[in-house]
Amino acid sequence: MECERNELRGILANYTNKDLNNRLNFEIAMLEIEHKQVMSALHKLPMEISDAFDKCKGLIEETEYFRGCYGALIPPNPPHQERGEEGDAEAEHGAAADDKGEK
């Protein structure tokens, strides 16, 4: 749409003998078309949001269903090793700080 508008503006720029009102009328017509397109998209937006919400809700229900069916087959996630290592690192850091305080 913007490309077409720019092309038409270029064509109108070549016609310098035309009345200024013709250019203004053209600009107004282009703005009206653009306004109609934006308003149309705006009116469709609530429906699109509602459809997306319904799809998400359906996927959540489907996920919960499969979790219930196959949840017993999937072992629980083991605790992260990183957390244990971070705790050890903090303990070592604390011990190192205590060593510095003693010296």
PDB file of N, CA and C in Angstrom:
ATOM      1  N   MET A   1       0.826  -1.187   0.000  1.00  0.00           N
ATOM      2  CA  MET A   1       0.000   0.000   0.000  1.00  0.00           C
ATOM      3  C   MET A   1       0.874   1.257   0.000  1.00  0.00           C
ATOM      4  N   GLU A   2       1.869   1.263   0.848  1.00  0.00           N
ATOM      5  CA  GLU A   2       2.751   2.433   0.937  1.00  0.00           C
ATOM      6  C   GLU A   2       3.547   2.602  -0.355  1.00  0.00           C
ATOM      7  N   CYS A   3       3.945   1.488  -0.943  1.00  0.00           N
ATOM      8  CA  CYS A   3       4.705   1.539  -2.200  1.00  0.00           C
ATOM      9  C   CYS A   3       3.845   2.167  -3.304  1.00  0.00           C
ATOM     10  N   GLU A   4       2.573   1.736  -3.372  1.00  0.00           N
ATOM     11  CA  GLU A   4       1.667   2.295  -4.375  1.00  0.00           C
ATOM     12  C   GLU A   4       1.472   3.782  -4.159  1.00  0.00           C
ATOM     13  N   ARG A   5       1.319   4.164  -2.891  1.00  0.00           N
ATOM     14  CA  ARG A   5       1.120   5.581  -2.580  1.00  0.00           C
ATOM     15  C   ARG A   5       2.332   6.398  -3.002  1.00  0.00           C
ATOM     16  N   ASN A   6       3.529   5.885  -2.718  1.00  0.00           N
ATOM     17  CA  ASN A   6       4.745   6.606  -3.100  1.00  0.00           C
ATOM     18  C   ASN A   6       4.872   6.718  -4.616  1.00  0.00           C
ATOM     19  N   GLU A   7       4.486   5.657  -5.314  1.00  0.00           N
ATOM     20  CA  GLU A   7       4.541   5.691  -6.782  1.00  0.00           C
ATOM     21  C   GLU A   7       3.589   6.743  -7.333  1.00  0.00           C
ATOM     22  N   LEU A   8       2.374   6.777  -6.780  1.00  0.00           N
ATOM     23  CA  LEU A   8       1.400   7.767  -7.244  1.00  0.00           C
ATOM     24  C   LEU A   8       1.824   9.188  -6.892  1.00  0.00           C
ATOM     25  N   ARG A   9       2.469   9.343  -5.752  1.00  0.00           N
ATOM     26  CA  ARG A   9       2.981  10.681  -5.397  1.00  0.00           C
ATOM     27  C   ARG A   9       4.044  11.129  -6.400  1.00  0.00           C
ATOM     28  N   GLY A  10       4.885  10.193  -6.819  1.00  0.00           N
ATOM     29  CA  GLY A  10       5.906  10.519  -7.809  1.00  0.00           C
ATOM     30  C   GLY A  10       5.297  10.931  -9.133  1.00  0.00           C
ATOM     31  N   ILE A  11       4.235  10.249  -9.524  1.00  0.00           N
ATOM     32  CA  ILE A  11       3.548  10.601 -10.775  1.00  0.00           C
ATOM     33  C   ILE A  11       2.937  11.991 -10.667  1.00  0.00           C
ATOM     34  N   LEU A  12       2.309  12.263  -9.535  1.00  0.00           N
ATOM     35  CA  LEU A  12       1.692  13.581  -9.350  1.00  0.00           C
ATOM     36  C   LEU A  12       2.734  14.691  -9.302  1.00  0.00           C
ATOM     37  N   ALA A  13       3.916  14.402  -8.818  1.00  0.00           N
ATOM     38  CA  ALA A  13       4.961  15.422  -8.733  1.00  0.00           C
ATOM     39  C   ALA A  13       5.361  15.902 -10.127  1.00  0.00           C
ATOM     40  N   ASN A  14       5.208  15.049 -11.141  1.00  0.00           N
ATOM     41  CA  ASN A  14       5.570  15.426 -12.508  1.00  0.00           C
ATOM     42  C   ASN A  14       4.570  16.398 -13.119  1.00  0.00           C
ATOM     43  N   TYR A  15       3.380  16.426 -12.613  1.00  0.00           N
ATOM     44  CA  TYR A  15       2.346  17.293 -13.157  1.00  0.00           C
ATOM     45  C   TYR A  15       2.265  18.579 -12.335  1.00  0.00           C
ATOM     46  N   THR A  16       3.206  19.459 -12.562  1.00  0.00           N
ATOM     47  CA  THR A  16       3.256  20.704 -11.793  1.00  0.00           C
ATOM     48  C   THR A  16       2.191  21.697 -12.241  1.00  0.00           C
ATOM     49  N   ASN A  17       1.643  21.540 -13.433  1.00  0.00           N
ATOM     50  CA  ASN A  17       0.634  22.475 -13.930  1.00  0.00           C
ATOM     51  C   ASN A  17      -0.758  22.170 -13.389  1.00  0.00           C
ATOM     52  N   LYS A  18      -0.905  21.032 -12.736  1.00  0.00           N
ATOM     53  CA  LYS A  18      -2.224  20.670 -12.206  1.00  0.00           C
ATOM     54  C   LYS A  18      -2.561  21.556 -11.016  1.00  0.00           C
ATOM     55  N   ASP A  19      -3.812  21.680 -10.766  1.00  0.00           N
ATOM     56  CA  ASP A  19      -4.289  22.487  -9.656  1.00  0.00           C
ATOM     57  C   ASP A  19      -3.898  21.817  -8.333  1.00  0.00           C
ATOM     58  N   LEU A  20      -3.550  22.633  -7.352  1.00  0.00           N
ATOM     59  CA  LEU A  20      -3.150  22.130  -6.045  1.00  0.00           C
ATOM     60  C   LEU A  20      -4.286  21.355  -5.381  1.00  0.00           C
ATOM     61  N   ASN A  21      -5.504  21.739  -5.658  1.00  0.00           N
ATOM     62  CA  ASN A  21      -6.651  21.033  -5.083  1.00  0.00           C
ATOM     63  C   ASN A  21      -6.700  19.578  -5.530  1.00  0.00           C
ATOM     64  N   ASN A  22      -6.300  19.320  -6.758  1.00  0.00           N
ATOM     65  CA  ASN A  22      -6.287  17.935  -7.239  1.00  0.00           C
ATOM     66  C   ASN A  22      -5.319  17.092  -6.403  1.00  0.00           C
ATOM     67  N   ARG A  23      -4.171  17.667  -6.095  1.00  0.00           N
ATOM     68  CA  ARG A  23      -3.201  16.943  -5.265  1.00  0.00           C
ATOM     69  C   ARG A  23      -3.767  16.711  -3.870  1.00  0.00           C
ATOM     70  N   LEU A  24      -4.383  17.747  -3.313  1.00  0.00           N
ATOM     71  CA  LEU A  24      -4.953  17.602  -1.978  1.00  0.00           C
ATOM     72  C   LEU A  24      -6.075  16.572  -1.972  1.00  0.00           C
ATOM     73  N   ASN A  25      -6.901  16.586  -3.000  1.00  0.00           N
ATOM     74  CA  ASN A  25      -7.978  15.606  -3.088  1.00  0.00           C
ATOM     75  C   ASN A  25      -7.410  14.186  -3.173  1.00  0.00           C
ATOM     76  N   PHE A  26      -6.325  14.059  -3.922  1.00  0.00           N
ATOM     77  CA  PHE A  26      -5.682  12.752  -4.042  1.00  0.00           C
ATOM     78  C   PHE A  26      -5.153  12.297  -2.688  1.00  0.00           C
ATOM     79  N   GLU A  27      -4.490  13.202  -1.981  1.00  0.00           N
ATOM     80  CA  GLU A  27      -3.948  12.862  -0.664  1.00  0.00           C
ATOM     81  C   GLU A  27      -5.075  12.469   0.292  1.00  0.00           C
ATOM     82  N   ILE A  28      -6.176  13.221   0.249  1.00  0.00           N
ATOM     83  CA  ILE A  28      -7.312  12.908   1.115  1.00  0.00           C
ATOM     84  C   ILE A  28      -7.869  11.537   0.768  1.00  0.00           C
ATOM     85  N   ALA A  29      -7.993  11.244  -0.516  1.00  0.00           N
ATOM     86  CA  ALA A  29      -8.503   9.931  -0.936  1.00  0.00           C
ATOM     87  C   ALA A  29      -7.589   8.817  -0.446  1.00  0.00           C
ATOM     88  N   MET A  30      -6.275   9.000  -0.543  1.00  0.00           N
ATOM     89  CA  MET A  30      -5.327   7.999  -0.086  1.00  0.00           C
ATOM     90  C   MET A  30      -5.430   7.822   1.428  1.00  0.00           C
ATOM     91  N   LEU A  31      -5.566   8.907   2.158  1.00  0.00           N
ATOM     92  CA  LEU A  31      -5.709   8.820   3.610  1.00  0.00           C
ATOM     93  C   LEU A  31      -7.001   8.122   4.005  1.00  0.00           C
ATOM     94  N   GLU A  32      -8.073   8.369   3.251  1.00  0.00           N
ATOM     95  CA  GLU A  32      -9.339   7.704   3.541  1.00  0.00           C
ATOM     96  C   GLU A  32      -9.226   6.201   3.323  1.00  0.00           C
ATOM     97  N   ILE A  33      -8.552   5.799   2.255  1.00  0.00           N
ATOM     98  CA  ILE A  33      -8.349   4.370   1.985  1.00  0.00           C
ATOM     99  C   ILE A  33      -7.529   3.741   3.105  1.00  0.00           C
ATOM    100  N   GLU A  34      -6.458   4.411   3.471  1.00  0.00           N
ATOM    101  CA  GLU A  34      -5.602   3.903   4.541  1.00  0.00           C
ATOM    102  C   GLU A  34      -6.377   3.823   5.864  1.00  0.00           C
ATOM    103  N   HIS A  35      -7.208   4.825   6.132  1.00  0.00           N
ATOM    104  CA  HIS A  35      -8.015   4.842   7.341  1.00  0.00           C
ATOM    105  C   HIS A  35      -8.987   3.659   7.357  1.00  0.00           C
ATOM    106  N   LYS A  36      -9.625   3.388   6.228  1.00  0.00           N
ATOM    107  CA  LYS A  36     -10.552   2.259   6.140  1.00  0.00           C
ATOM    108  C   LYS A  36      -9.833   0.939   6.416  1.00  0.00           C
ATOM    109  N   GLN A  37      -8.626   0.802   5.894  1.00  0.00           N
ATOM    110  CA  GLN A  37      -7.864  -0.428   6.116  1.00  0.00           C
ATOM    111  C   GLN A  37      -7.502  -0.586   7.590  1.00  0.00           C
ATOM    112  N   VAL A  38      -7.072   0.492   8.214  1.00  0.00           N
ATOM    113  CA  VAL A  38      -6.698   0.431   9.626  1.00  0.00           C
ATOM    114  C   VAL A  38      -7.926   0.133  10.484  1.00  0.00           C
ATOM    115  N   MET A  39      -9.031   0.769  10.199  1.00  0.00           N
ATOM    116  CA  MET A  39     -10.243   0.532  10.980  1.00  0.00           C
ATOM    117  C   MET A  39     -10.753  -0.891  10.790  1.00  0.00           C
ATOM    118  N   SER A  40     -10.634  -1.423   9.585  1.00  0.00           N
ATOM    119  CA  SER A  40     -11.028  -2.805   9.327  1.00  0.00           C
ATOM    120  C   SER A  40     -10.167  -3.759  10.158  1.00  0.00           C
ATOM    121  N   ALA A  41      -8.870  -3.520  10.175  1.00  0.00           N
ATOM    122  CA  ALA A  41      -7.965  -4.350  10.974  1.00  0.00           C
ATOM    123  C   ALA A  41      -8.284  -4.210  12.459  1.00  0.00           C
ATOM    124  N   LEU A  42      -8.626  -3.010  12.873  1.00  0.00           N
ATOM    125  CA  LEU A  42      -8.957  -2.760  14.276  1.00  0.00           C
ATOM    126  C   LEU A  42     -10.220  -3.508  14.690  1.00  0.00           C
ATOM    127  N   HIS A  43     -11.195  -3.568  13.804  1.00  0.00           N
ATOM    128  CA  HIS A  43     -12.427  -4.289  14.106  1.00  0.00           C
ATOM    129  C   HIS A  43     -12.199  -5.795  14.153  1.00  0.00           C
ATOM    130  N   LYS A  44     -11.246  -6.292  13.380  1.00  0.00           N
ATOM    131  CA  LYS A  44     -10.938  -7.726  13.360  1.00  0.00           C
ATOM    132  C   LYS A  44     -10.112  -8.147  14.573  1.00  0.00           C
ATOM    133  N   LEU A  45      -9.425  -7.216  15.191  1.00  0.00           N
ATOM    134  CA  LEU A  45      -8.503  -7.527  16.280  1.00  0.00           C
ATOM    135  C   LEU A  45      -9.156  -8.268  17.448  1.00  0.00           C
ATOM    136  N   PRO A  46     -10.312  -7.845  17.971  1.00  0.00           N
ATOM    137  CA  PRO A  46     -10.914  -8.601  19.084  1.00  0.00           C
ATOM    138  C   PRO A  46     -11.221 -10.053  18.714  1.00  0.00           C
ATOM    139  N   MET A  47     -11.671 -10.289  17.485  1.00  0.00           N
ATOM    140  CA  MET A  47     -11.945 -11.662  17.059  1.00  0.00           C
ATOM    141  C   MET A  47     -10.663 -12.476  16.994  1.00  0.00           C
ATOM    142  N   GLU A  48      -9.598 -11.875  16.492  1.00  0.00           N
ATOM    143  CA  GLU A  48      -8.322 -12.575  16.397  1.00  0.00           C
ATOM    144  C   GLU A  48      -7.776 -12.891  17.793  1.00  0.00           C
ATOM    145  N   ILE A  49      -7.931 -11.963  18.715  1.00  0.00           N
ATOM    146  CA  ILE A  49      -7.479 -12.196  20.088  1.00  0.00           C
ATOM    147  C   ILE A  49      -8.298 -13.326  20.713  1.00  0.00           C
ATOM    148  N   SER A  50      -9.603 -13.306  20.501  1.00  0.00           N
ATOM    149  CA  SER A  50     -10.471 -14.345  21.037  1.00  0.00           C
ATOM    150  C   SER A  50     -10.101 -15.717  20.457  1.00  0.00           C
ATOM    151  N   ASP A  51      -9.837 -15.774  19.157  1.00  0.00           N
ATOM    152  CA  ASP A  51      -9.433 -17.035  18.525  1.00  0.00           C
ATOM    153  C   ASP A  51      -8.118 -17.534  19.096  1.00  0.00           C
ATOM    154  N   ALA A  52      -7.171 -16.635  19.286  1.00  0.00           N
ATOM    155  CA  ALA A  52      -5.871 -17.019  19.844  1.00  0.00           C
ATOM    156  C   ALA A  52      -6.038 -17.522  21.269  1.00  0.00           C
ATOM    157  N   PHE A  53      -6.888 -16.869  22.043  1.00  0.00           N
ATOM    158  CA  PHE A  53      -7.145 -17.290  23.419  1.00  0.00           C
ATOM    159  C   PHE A  53      -7.758 -18.683  23.438  1.00  0.00           C
ATOM    160  N   ASP A  54      -8.722 -18.922  22.545  1.00  0.00           N
ATOM    161  CA  ASP A  54      -9.363 -20.242  22.479  1.00  0.00           C
ATOM    162  C   ASP A  54      -8.353 -21.326  22.098  1.00  0.00           C
ATOM    163  N   LYS A  55      -7.455 -21.015  21.173  1.00  0.00           N
ATOM    164  CA  LYS A  55      -6.431 -21.981  20.779  1.00  0.00           C
ATOM    165  C   LYS A  55      -5.503 -22.290  21.949  1.00  0.00           C
ATOM    166  N   CYS A  56      -5.107 -21.261  22.674  1.00  0.00           N
ATOM    167  CA  CYS A  56      -4.234 -21.461  23.840  1.00  0.00           C
ATOM    168  C   CYS A  56      -4.934 -22.297  24.894  1.00  0.00           C
ATOM    169  N   LYS A  57      -6.195 -22.001  25.123  1.00  0.00           N
ATOM    170  CA  LYS A  57      -6.965 -22.749  26.110  1.00  0.00           C
ATOM    171  C   LYS A  57      -7.062 -24.223  25.699  1.00  0.00           C
ATOM    172  N   GLY A  58      -7.309 -24.472  24.418  1.00  0.00           N
ATOM    173  CA  GLY A  58      -7.376 -25.839  23.915  1.00  0.00           C
ATOM    174  C   GLY A  58      -6.042 -26.563  24.062  1.00  0.00           C
ATOM    175  N   LEU A  59      -4.950 -25.862  23.784  1.00  0.00           N
ATOM    176  CA  LEU A  59      -3.630 -26.482  23.920  1.00  0.00           C
ATOM    177  C   LEU A  59      -3.309 -26.789  25.381  1.00  0.00           C
ATOM    178  N   ILE A  60      -3.721 -25.908  26.280  1.00  0.00           N
ATOM    179  CA  ILE A  60      -3.499 -26.161  27.706  1.00  0.00           C
ATOM    180  C   ILE A  60      -4.277 -27.403  28.140  1.00  0.00           C
ATOM    181  N   GLU A  61      -5.538 -27.507  27.715  1.00  0.00           N
ATOM    182  CA  GLU A  61      -6.342 -28.676  28.058  1.00  0.00           C
ATOM    183  C   GLU A  61      -5.733 -29.947  27.484  1.00  0.00           C
ATOM    184  N   GLU A  62      -5.262 -29.869  26.240  1.00  0.00           N
ATOM    185  CA  GLU A  62      -4.636 -31.025  25.599  1.00  0.00           C
ATOM    186  C   GLU A  62      -3.360 -31.432  26.333  1.00  0.00           C
ATOM    187  N   THR A  63      -2.577 -30.457  26.731  1.00  0.00           N
ATOM    188  CA  THR A  63      -1.341 -30.742  27.458  1.00  0.00           C
ATOM    189  C   THR A  63      -1.653 -31.411  28.791  1.00  0.00           C
ATOM    190  N   GLU A  64      -2.652 -30.893  29.500  1.00  0.00           N
ATOM    191  CA  GLU A  64      -3.036 -31.491  30.773  1.00  0.00           C
ATOM    192  C   GLU A  64      -3.553 -32.914  30.584  1.00  0.00           C
ATOM    193  N   TYR A  65      -4.295 -33.144  29.505  1.00  0.00           N
ATOM    194  CA  TYR A  65      -4.804 -34.482  29.227  1.00  0.00           C
ATOM    195  C   TYR A  65      -3.651 -35.465  29.019  1.00  0.00           C
ATOM    196  N   PHE A  66      -2.693 -35.084  28.165  1.00  0.00           N
ATOM    197  CA  PHE A  66      -1.574 -35.986  27.888  1.00  0.00           C
ATOM    198  C   PHE A  66      -0.671 -36.129  29.109  1.00  0.00           C
ATOM    199  N   ARG A  67      -0.571 -35.099  29.903  1.00  0.00           N
ATOM    200  CA  ARG A  67       0.199 -35.194  31.137  1.00  0.00           C
ATOM    201  C   ARG A  67      -0.434 -36.229  32.065  1.00  0.00           C
ATOM    202  N   GLY A  68      -1.775 -36.245  32.118  1.00  0.00           N
ATOM    203  CA  GLY A  68      -2.487 -37.218  32.936  1.00  0.00           C
ATOM    204  C   GLY A  68      -2.335 -38.632  32.404  1.00  0.00           C
ATOM    205  N   CYS A  69      -2.374 -38.783  31.070  1.00  0.00           N
ATOM    206  CA  CYS A  69      -2.260 -40.114  30.467  1.00  0.00           C
ATOM    207  C   CYS A  69      -0.851 -40.680  30.579  1.00  0.00           C
ATOM    208  N   TYR A  70       0.127 -39.855  30.289  1.00  0.00           N
ATOM    209  CA  TYR A  70       1.495 -40.347  30.187  1.00  0.00           C
ATOM    210  C   TYR A  70       2.399 -39.853  31.311  1.00  0.00           C
ATOM    211  N   GLY A  71       1.844 -39.151  32.271  1.00  0.00           N
ATOM    212  CA  GLY A  71       2.649 -38.600  33.352  1.00  0.00           C
ATOM    213  C   GLY A  71       3.365 -39.662  34.159  1.00  0.00           C
ATOM    214  N   ALA A  72       2.716 -40.834  34.343  1.00  0.00           N
ATOM    215  CA  ALA A  72       3.335 -41.896  35.128  1.00  0.00           C
ATOM    216  C   ALA A  72       4.508 -42.522  34.379  1.00  0.00           C
ATOM    217  N   LEU A  73       4.522 -42.419  33.062  1.00  0.00           N
ATOM    218  CA  LEU A  73       5.591 -43.020  32.272  1.00  0.00           C
ATOM    219  C   LEU A  73       6.839 -42.155  32.220  1.00  0.00           C
ATOM    220  N   ILE A  74       6.674 -40.878  32.447  1.00  0.00           N
ATOM    221  CA  ILE A  74       7.801 -39.948  32.351  1.00  0.00           C
ATOM    222  C   ILE A  74       8.379 -39.730  33.749  1.00  0.00           C
ATOM    223  N   PRO A  75       9.661 -40.023  33.926  1.00  0.00           N
ATOM    224  CA  PRO A  75      10.239 -39.819  35.263  1.00  0.00           C
ATOM    225  C   PRO A  75      10.319 -38.332  35.591  1.00  0.00           C
ATOM    226  N   PRO A  76      10.232 -38.004  36.865  1.00  0.00           N
ATOM    227  CA  PRO A  76      10.339 -36.585  37.230  1.00  0.00           C
ATOM    228  C   PRO A  76      11.738 -36.066  36.916  1.00  0.00           C
ATOM    229  N   ASN A  77      11.823 -34.785  36.688  1.00  0.00           N
ATOM    230  CA  ASN A  77      13.124 -34.180  36.381  1.00  0.00           C
ATOM    231  C   ASN A  77      14.038 -34.285  37.589  1.00  0.00           C
ATOM    232  N   PRO A  78      15.287 -34.716  37.381  1.00  0.00           N
ATOM    233  CA  PRO A  78      16.215 -34.759  38.521  1.00  0.00           C
ATOM    234  C   PRO A  78      16.553 -33.341  38.948  1.00  0.00           C
ATOM    235  N   PRO A  79      16.905 -33.166  40.215  1.00  0.00           N
ATOM    236  CA  PRO A  79      17.287 -31.802  40.646  1.00  0.00           C
ATOM    237  C   PRO A  79      18.510 -31.351  39.878  1.00  0.00           C
ATOM    238  N   HIS A  80      18.566 -30.075  39.612  1.00  0.00           N
ATOM    239  CA  HIS A  80      19.677 -29.522  38.843  1.00  0.00           C
ATOM    240  C   HIS A  80      20.974 -29.618  39.626  1.00  0.00           C
ATOM    241  N   GLN A  81      22.003 -30.070  38.937  1.00  0.00           N
ATOM    242  CA  GLN A  81      23.314 -30.139  39.556  1.00  0.00           C
ATOM    243  C   GLN A  81      23.851 -28.745  39.834  1.00  0.00           C
ATOM    244  N   GLU A  82      23.434 -27.800  38.985  1.00  0.00           N
ATOM    245  CA  GLU A  82      23.945 -26.438  39.122  1.00  0.00           C
ATOM    246  C   GLU A  82      23.594 -25.845  40.474  1.00  0.00           C
ATOM    247  N   ARG A  83      22.408 -26.140  40.961  1.00  0.00           N
ATOM    248  CA  ARG A  83      21.992 -25.582  42.252  1.00  0.00           C
ATOM    249  C   ARG A  83      22.890 -26.106  43.362  1.00  0.00           C
ATOM    250  N   GLY A  84      23.191 -27.402  43.311  1.00  0.00           N
ATOM    251  CA  GLY A  84      24.076 -27.978  44.313  1.00  0.00           C
ATOM    252  C   GLY A  84      25.465 -27.385  44.211  1.00  0.00           C
ATOM    253  N   GLU A  85      25.921 -27.200  42.982  1.00  0.00           N
ATOM    254  CA  GLU A  85      27.251 -26.631  42.784  1.00  0.00           C
ATOM    255  C   GLU A  85      27.298 -25.180  43.237  1.00  0.00           C
ATOM    256  N   GLU A  86      26.214 -24.446  42.956  1.00  0.00           N
ATOM    257  CA  GLU A  86      26.191 -23.047  43.385  1.00  0.00           C
ATOM    258  C   GLU A  86      26.207 -22.968  44.899  1.00  0.00           C
ATOM    259  N   GLY A  87      25.480 -23.883  45.553  1.00  0.00           N
ATOM    260  CA  GLY A  87      25.473 -23.897  47.004  1.00  0.00           C
ATOM    261  C   GLY A  87      26.851 -24.214  47.548  1.00  0.00           C
ATOM    262  N   ASP A  88      27.549 -25.171  46.898  1.00  0.00           N
ATOM    263  CA  ASP A  88      28.902 -25.506  47.309  1.00  0.00           C
ATOM    264  C   ASP A  88      29.833 -24.324  47.076  1.00  0.00           C
ATOM    265  N   ALA A  89      29.640 -23.651  45.943  1.00  0.00           N
ATOM    266  CA  ALA A  89      30.498 -22.509  45.633  1.00  0.00           C
ATOM    267  C   ALA A  89      30.280 -21.394  46.650  1.00  0.00           C
ATOM    268  N   GLU A  90      29.027 -21.185  47.049  1.00  0.00           N
ATOM    269  CA  GLU A  90      28.759 -20.154  48.051  1.00  0.00           C
ATOM    270  C   GLU A  90      29.363 -20.538  49.397  1.00  0.00           C
ATOM    271  N   ALA A  91      29.305 -21.837  49.733  1.00  0.00           N
ATOM    272  CA  ALA A  91      29.896 -22.290  50.987  1.00  0.00           C
ATOM    273  C   ALA A  91      31.402 -22.091  50.965  1.00  0.00           C
ATOM    274  N   GLU A  92      32.015 -22.402  49.814  1.00  0.00           N
ATOM    275  CA  GLU A  92      33.463 -22.211  49.694  1.00  0.00           C
ATOM    276  C   GLU A  92      33.806 -20.731  49.765  1.00  0.00           C
ATOM    277  N   HIS A  93      32.989 -19.901  49.116  1.00  0.00           N
ATOM    278  CA  HIS A  93      33.226 -18.464  49.132  1.00  0.00           C
ATOM    279  C   HIS A  93      33.118 -17.926  50.566  1.00  0.00           C
ATOM    280  N   GLY A  94      32.115 -18.424  51.291  1.00  0.00           N
ATOM    281  CA  GLY A  94      31.938 -18.008  52.675  1.00  0.00           C
ATOM    282  C   GLY A  94      33.113 -18.464  53.542  1.00  0.00           C
ATOM    283  N   ALA A  95      33.601 -19.689  53.263  1.00  0.00           N
ATOM    284  CA  ALA A  95      34.738 -20.206  54.028  1.00  0.00           C
ATOM    285  C   ALA A  95      35.990 -19.400  53.703  1.00  0.00           C
ATOM    286  N   ALA A  96      36.123 -19.022  52.436  1.00  0.00           N
ATOM    287  CA  ALA A  96      37.294 -18.216  52.037  1.00  0.00           C
ATOM    288  C   ALA A  96      37.223 -16.846  52.689  1.00  0.00           C
ATOM    289  N   ALA A  97      36.036 -16.294  52.808  1.00  0.00           N
ATOM    290  CA  ALA A  97      35.879 -14.987  53.452  1.00  0.00           C
ATOM    291  C   ALA A  97      36.208 -15.115  54.936  1.00  0.00           C
ATOM    292  N   ASP A  98      35.835 -16.235  55.541  1.00  0.00           N
ATOM    293  CA  ASP A  98      36.149 -16.444  56.960  1.00  0.00           C
ATOM    294  C   ASP A  98      37.656 -16.572  57.154  1.00  0.00           C
ATOM    295  N   ASP A  99      38.324 -17.251  56.186  1.00  0.00           N
ATOM    296  CA  ASP A  99      39.777 -17.414  56.285  1.00  0.00           C
ATOM    297  C   ASP A  99      40.472 -16.064  56.217  1.00  0.00           C
ATOM    298  N   LYS A 100      39.978 -15.182  55.343  1.00  0.00           N
ATOM    299  CA  LYS A 100      40.584 -13.859  55.208  1.00  0.00           C
ATOM    300  C   LYS A 100      40.376 -13.045  56.483  1.00  0.00           C
ATOM    301  N   GLY A 101      39.216 -13.232  57.102  1.00  0.00           N
ATOM    302  CA  GLY A 101      38.913 -12.485  58.316  1.00  0.00           C
ATOM    303  C   GLY A 101      39.806 -12.922  59.482  1.00  0.00           C
ATOM    304  N   GLU A 102      40.207 -14.194  59.487  1.00  0.00           N
ATOM    305  CA  GLU A 102      41.038 -14.694  60.570  1.00  0.00           C
ATOM    306  C   GLU A 102      42.478 -14.210  60.462  1.00  0.00           C
ATOM    307  N   LYS A 103      42.954 -13.975  59.237  1.00  0.00           N
ATOM    308  CA  LYS A 103      44.342 -13.610  59.027  1.00  0.00           C
ATOM    309  C   LYS A 103      44.609 -12.207  59.320  1.00  0.00           C
TER     310      LYS A 103
END
